[in-house]
Protein backbone atom coordinates (compact mmCIF):
# COMPACT_ATOMS: atom_id res chain seq x y z
CA ILE A 1 -21.92 5.03 8.74
CA GLY A 2 -22.88 2.13 10.95
CA THR A 3 -23.71 -0.57 8.72
CA THR A 4 -23.82 -0.42 4.78
CA LEU A 5 -23.81 2.09 1.97
CA SER A 6 -24.58 1.00 -1.52
CA SER A 7 -24.41 3.25 -4.41
CA GLY A 8 -25.23 2.77 -8.21
CA GLY A 9 -23.12 5.77 -9.16
CA ALA A 10 -20.39 7.82 -7.63
CA THR A 11 -19.92 8.03 -3.77
CA THR A 12 -18.39 10.96 -2.18
CA ILE A 13 -17.75 11.20 1.52
CA ASN A 14 -16.47 14.35 3.20
CA SER A 15 -15.88 14.87 6.83
CA THR A 16 -14.25 17.64 8.95
CA ARG A 17 -13.74 15.12 11.56
CA ASP A 18 -13.48 11.33 11.25
CA ALA A 19 -14.92 9.01 8.61
CA ALA A 20 -15.93 5.74 10.35
CA LEU A 21 -17.14 3.52 7.55
CA ALA A 22 -18.50 -0.10 7.85
CA SER A 23 -19.32 -1.33 4.29
CA THR A 24 -19.11 1.04 1.32
CA THR A 25 -19.77 -0.39 -2.26
CA SER A 26 -20.32 1.36 -5.44
CA THR A 27 -20.33 0.85 -9.23
CA GLY A 28 -19.06 4.33 -9.67
CA PRO A 29 -15.95 6.01 -8.16
CA ILE A 30 -15.52 6.17 -4.24
CA THR A 31 -13.89 9.33 -2.93
CA VAL A 32 -13.31 9.87 0.74
CA THR A 33 -11.74 13.04 2.41
CA ALA A 34 -11.50 13.44 6.11
CA VAL A 35 -9.58 15.75 8.41
CA GLY A 36 -9.19 13.01 10.95
CA ALA A 37 -9.10 9.36 10.89
CA THR A 38 -10.63 7.14 8.12
CA THR A 39 -11.51 3.65 9.15
CA ALA A 40 -13.49 1.10 7.08
CA ALA A 41 -14.31 -2.57 6.99
CA LEU A 42 -14.89 -2.51 3.24
CA LEU A 43 -14.43 -0.08 0.33
CA LYS A 44 -15.44 -1.87 -2.86
CA SER A 45 -15.99 -0.16 -6.43
CA ASN A 46 -15.77 -1.17 -10.10
CA ALA A 47 -14.35 2.29 -10.63
CA ALA A 48 -11.33 4.22 -8.79
CA ILE A 49 -11.16 4.59 -4.96
CA THR A 50 -9.49 7.75 -3.76
CA ALA A 51 -9.07 8.35 -0.06
CA THR A 52 -7.34 11.38 1.71
CA SER A 53 -7.36 11.80 5.50
CA GLY A 54 -5.33 12.43 8.58
CA SER A 55 -4.81 8.82 9.30
CA MET A 56 -6.15 5.44 7.64
CA ASN A 57 -7.03 2.08 8.66
CA LEU A 58 -8.74 -0.01 6.14
CA THR A 59 -9.57 -3.70 6.51
CA ASN A 60 -10.58 -4.47 2.79
CA VAL A 61 -10.17 -2.25 -0.34
CA ASP A 62 -11.12 -3.62 -3.80
CA THR A 63 -11.27 -1.58 -6.90
CA GLY A 64 -11.60 -2.69 -10.54
CA SER A 65 -9.75 0.55 -11.43
CA ALA A 66 -7.15 2.66 -9.76
CA LEU A 67 -6.40 2.90 -5.94
CA SER A 68 -5.04 6.07 -4.26
CA LEU A 69 -4.63 6.37 -0.61
CA THR A 70 -3.08 9.39 1.15
CA SER A 71 -2.54 9.86 5.01
CA ASN A 72 -1.51 13.63 5.78
CA ASN A 73 -0.66 13.46 9.53
CA GLY A 74 -0.62 9.77 10.71
CA ALA A 75 -0.14 6.00 9.71
CA LEU A 76 -1.74 4.49 6.85
CA THR A 77 -2.72 0.76 7.29
CA VAL A 78 -4.29 -1.58 4.78
CA ALA A 79 -5.08 -5.15 5.64
CA THR A 80 -6.18 -6.57 2.19
CA GLY A 81 -6.01 -4.42 -1.10
CA LYS A 82 -6.75 -5.14 -4.63
CA SER A 83 -6.63 -2.72 -7.71
CA GLY A 84 -7.35 -3.50 -11.30
CA THR A 85 -4.78 -0.92 -12.36
CA THR A 86 -2.56 1.18 -10.41
CA SER A 87 -1.92 1.41 -6.56
CA GLU A 88 -0.48 4.25 -4.64
CA LEU A 89 -0.20 4.52 -0.97
CA LYS A 90 1.70 7.30 0.77
CA THR A 91 2.05 9.22 4.04
CA VAL A 92 2.90 12.84 4.05
CA ALA A 93 3.92 13.94 7.55
CA ALA A 94 7.34 12.91 9.23
CA GLY A 95 7.51 11.06 12.35
CA GLY A 96 5.24 7.86 13.16
CA THR A 97 3.66 7.82 9.60
CA ASP A 98 4.25 4.40 8.65
CA VAL A 99 2.63 2.63 5.64
CA SER A 100 1.55 -0.91 6.51
CA VAL A 101 -0.02 -3.73 4.51
CA THR A 102 -0.78 -6.52 6.96
CA THR A 103 -2.01 -9.13 4.56
CA SER A 104 -1.46 -8.33 0.97
CA LEU A 105 -1.76 -5.68 -1.75
CA THR A 106 -2.29 -6.87 -5.24
CA SER A 107 -2.36 -4.41 -8.56
CA GLY A 108 -3.14 -5.12 -11.93
CA GLN A 109 -0.59 -2.78 -13.10
CA GLY A 110 2.03 -1.14 -10.95
CA THR A 111 2.37 -0.38 -7.14
CA THR A 112 3.94 2.68 -5.51
CA ILE A 113 4.28 2.98 -1.71
CA THR A 114 5.92 6.10 -0.29
CA SER A 115 6.36 6.33 3.44
CA ARG A 116 7.75 9.09 5.37
CA GLY A 117 8.16 6.56 8.12
CA ASN A 118 8.57 2.96 7.86
CA ALA A 119 7.10 0.53 5.21
CA ARG A 120 5.60 -2.52 6.97
CA LEU A 121 4.51 -4.95 4.22
CA ALA A 122 3.41 -8.57 4.38
CA SER A 123 3.10 -8.94 0.66
CA VAL A 124 2.91 -6.52 -2.41
CA THR A 125 2.50 -7.84 -6.02
CA ALA A 126 2.22 -5.92 -9.35
CA THR A 127 0.98 -7.98 -12.21
CA THR A 128 2.06 -5.92 -15.21
CA ASP A 129 4.39 -3.15 -14.09
CA ASP A 130 6.69 -2.16 -11.30
CA VAL A 131 6.57 -2.40 -7.41
CA THR A 132 8.34 0.80 -6.00
CA ILE A 133 8.89 1.16 -2.46
CA LYS A 134 10.42 4.18 -0.74
CA ALA A 135 10.99 4.86 2.88
CA VAL A 136 14.27 6.89 2.75
CA ASN A 137 13.88 8.11 6.46
CA GLY A 138 12.90 4.56 7.91
CA GLU A 139 12.92 0.90 7.36
CA VAL A 140 11.19 -1.45 4.70
CA THR A 141 10.30 -4.68 6.41
CA GLY A 142 7.51 -7.33 6.55
CA ILE A 143 5.08 -7.58 9.60
CA GLY A 144 6.77 -7.99 13.01
CA ALA A 145 10.25 -9.85 12.53
CA ASP A 146 9.43 -10.95 9.15
CA GLY A 147 10.67 -9.73 5.92
CA ALA A 148 8.63 -8.08 3.02
CA ASN A 149 7.43 -10.38 0.20
CA LEU A 150 7.44 -8.19 -2.94
CA SER A 151 6.62 -9.43 -6.59
CA ALA A 152 6.67 -7.55 -9.89
CA THR A 153 5.53 -10.36 -12.44
CA VAL A 154 6.82 -8.78 -15.42
CA GLY A 155 8.26 -5.43 -14.11
CA LYS A 156 10.81 -4.22 -11.63
CA VAL A 157 11.05 -4.21 -7.90
CA ILE A 158 12.67 -0.98 -6.51
CA VAL A 159 13.34 -0.65 -2.79
CA GLU A 160 14.84 2.52 -1.34
CA ALA A 161 15.05 2.39 2.64
CA GLY A 162 16.98 4.43 5.16
CA SER A 163 18.29 2.16 8.04
CA LEU A 164 17.06 -1.31 7.01
CA ALA A 165 15.51 -3.26 4.19
CA ARG A 166 14.42 -6.61 5.59
CA LEU A 167 13.18 -8.74 2.78
CA LYS A 168 11.95 -12.31 2.49
CA THR A 169 10.94 -13.45 -1.11
CA VAL A 170 11.55 -10.88 -3.83
CA THR A 171 10.70 -11.79 -7.42
CA SER A 172 10.75 -9.61 -10.52
CA GLY A 173 10.42 -10.18 -14.18
CA ASN A 174 12.86 -7.44 -15.15
CA GLU A 175 15.31 -5.95 -12.35
CA THR A 176 15.47 -5.84 -8.64
CA SER A 177 17.04 -2.77 -6.92
CA VAL A 178 17.58 -2.43 -3.17
CA LYS A 179 19.07 0.41 -1.46
CA ALA A 180 19.48 0.66 2.44
CA ASP A 181 22.14 1.16 5.19
CA ASN A 182 21.62 -2.66 6.12
CA ILE A 183 19.94 -5.25 3.97
CA THR A 184 18.90 -8.67 5.15
CA VAL A 185 17.01 -11.55 3.64
CA THR A 186 15.10 -13.52 6.26
CA SER A 187 15.22 -17.39 6.67
CA GLY A 188 13.74 -19.24 3.80
CA GLY A 189 13.55 -16.12 1.52
CA GLN A 190 15.41 -15.26 -1.70
CA ILE A 191 15.83 -12.59 -4.15
CA LYS A 192 14.88 -13.71 -7.84
CA ALA A 193 15.52 -11.40 -10.77
CA VAL A 194 16.83 -10.98 -14.13
CA GLY A 195 19.06 -8.30 -12.94
CA GLN A 196 20.05 -7.33 -9.31
CA THR A 197 21.45 -4.16 -7.81
CA ILE A 198 21.85 -4.35 -3.99
CA THR A 199 23.71 -1.63 -2.29
């Protein structure tokens, strides 16, 4: 889709190869399925956005409802994401299948990120529920040498990493739990929580 696709109802995109989307907006739900790669400058809907593909690189995703992104074979990258309710990002295949949030991901409720590789997260925020990050075979970090900024305004922050959890500012309204072989907090960062479990 070279320029803009705008819909007053539900939008469904199916591709047996790649789905290269410029700007897609809809008042109804957006569903994208591609065997190959999905790329998009903008996916915006008042309803849910669901995308499943071999790999994924999205610049801006904005939904008034739930966000669900699944990469079956490759990496999943979101620059800026926003959901009115829950956000779920996951990679399925082992090896080179990182989940990356390069700018920010904000959810009205909870956020769950599950990576079979690493989780590279600039900033993840859940407003009324938990932030749960799992990369048990890899690392949980920020972008580049930075640490991940994680915030659950009233809920828990739960991090399960394999070799490394490199964090910067972590804030939870309930409890923070971090598990990894090595845990570091980068310069200027801090962990703020009602209860903390760091192992």
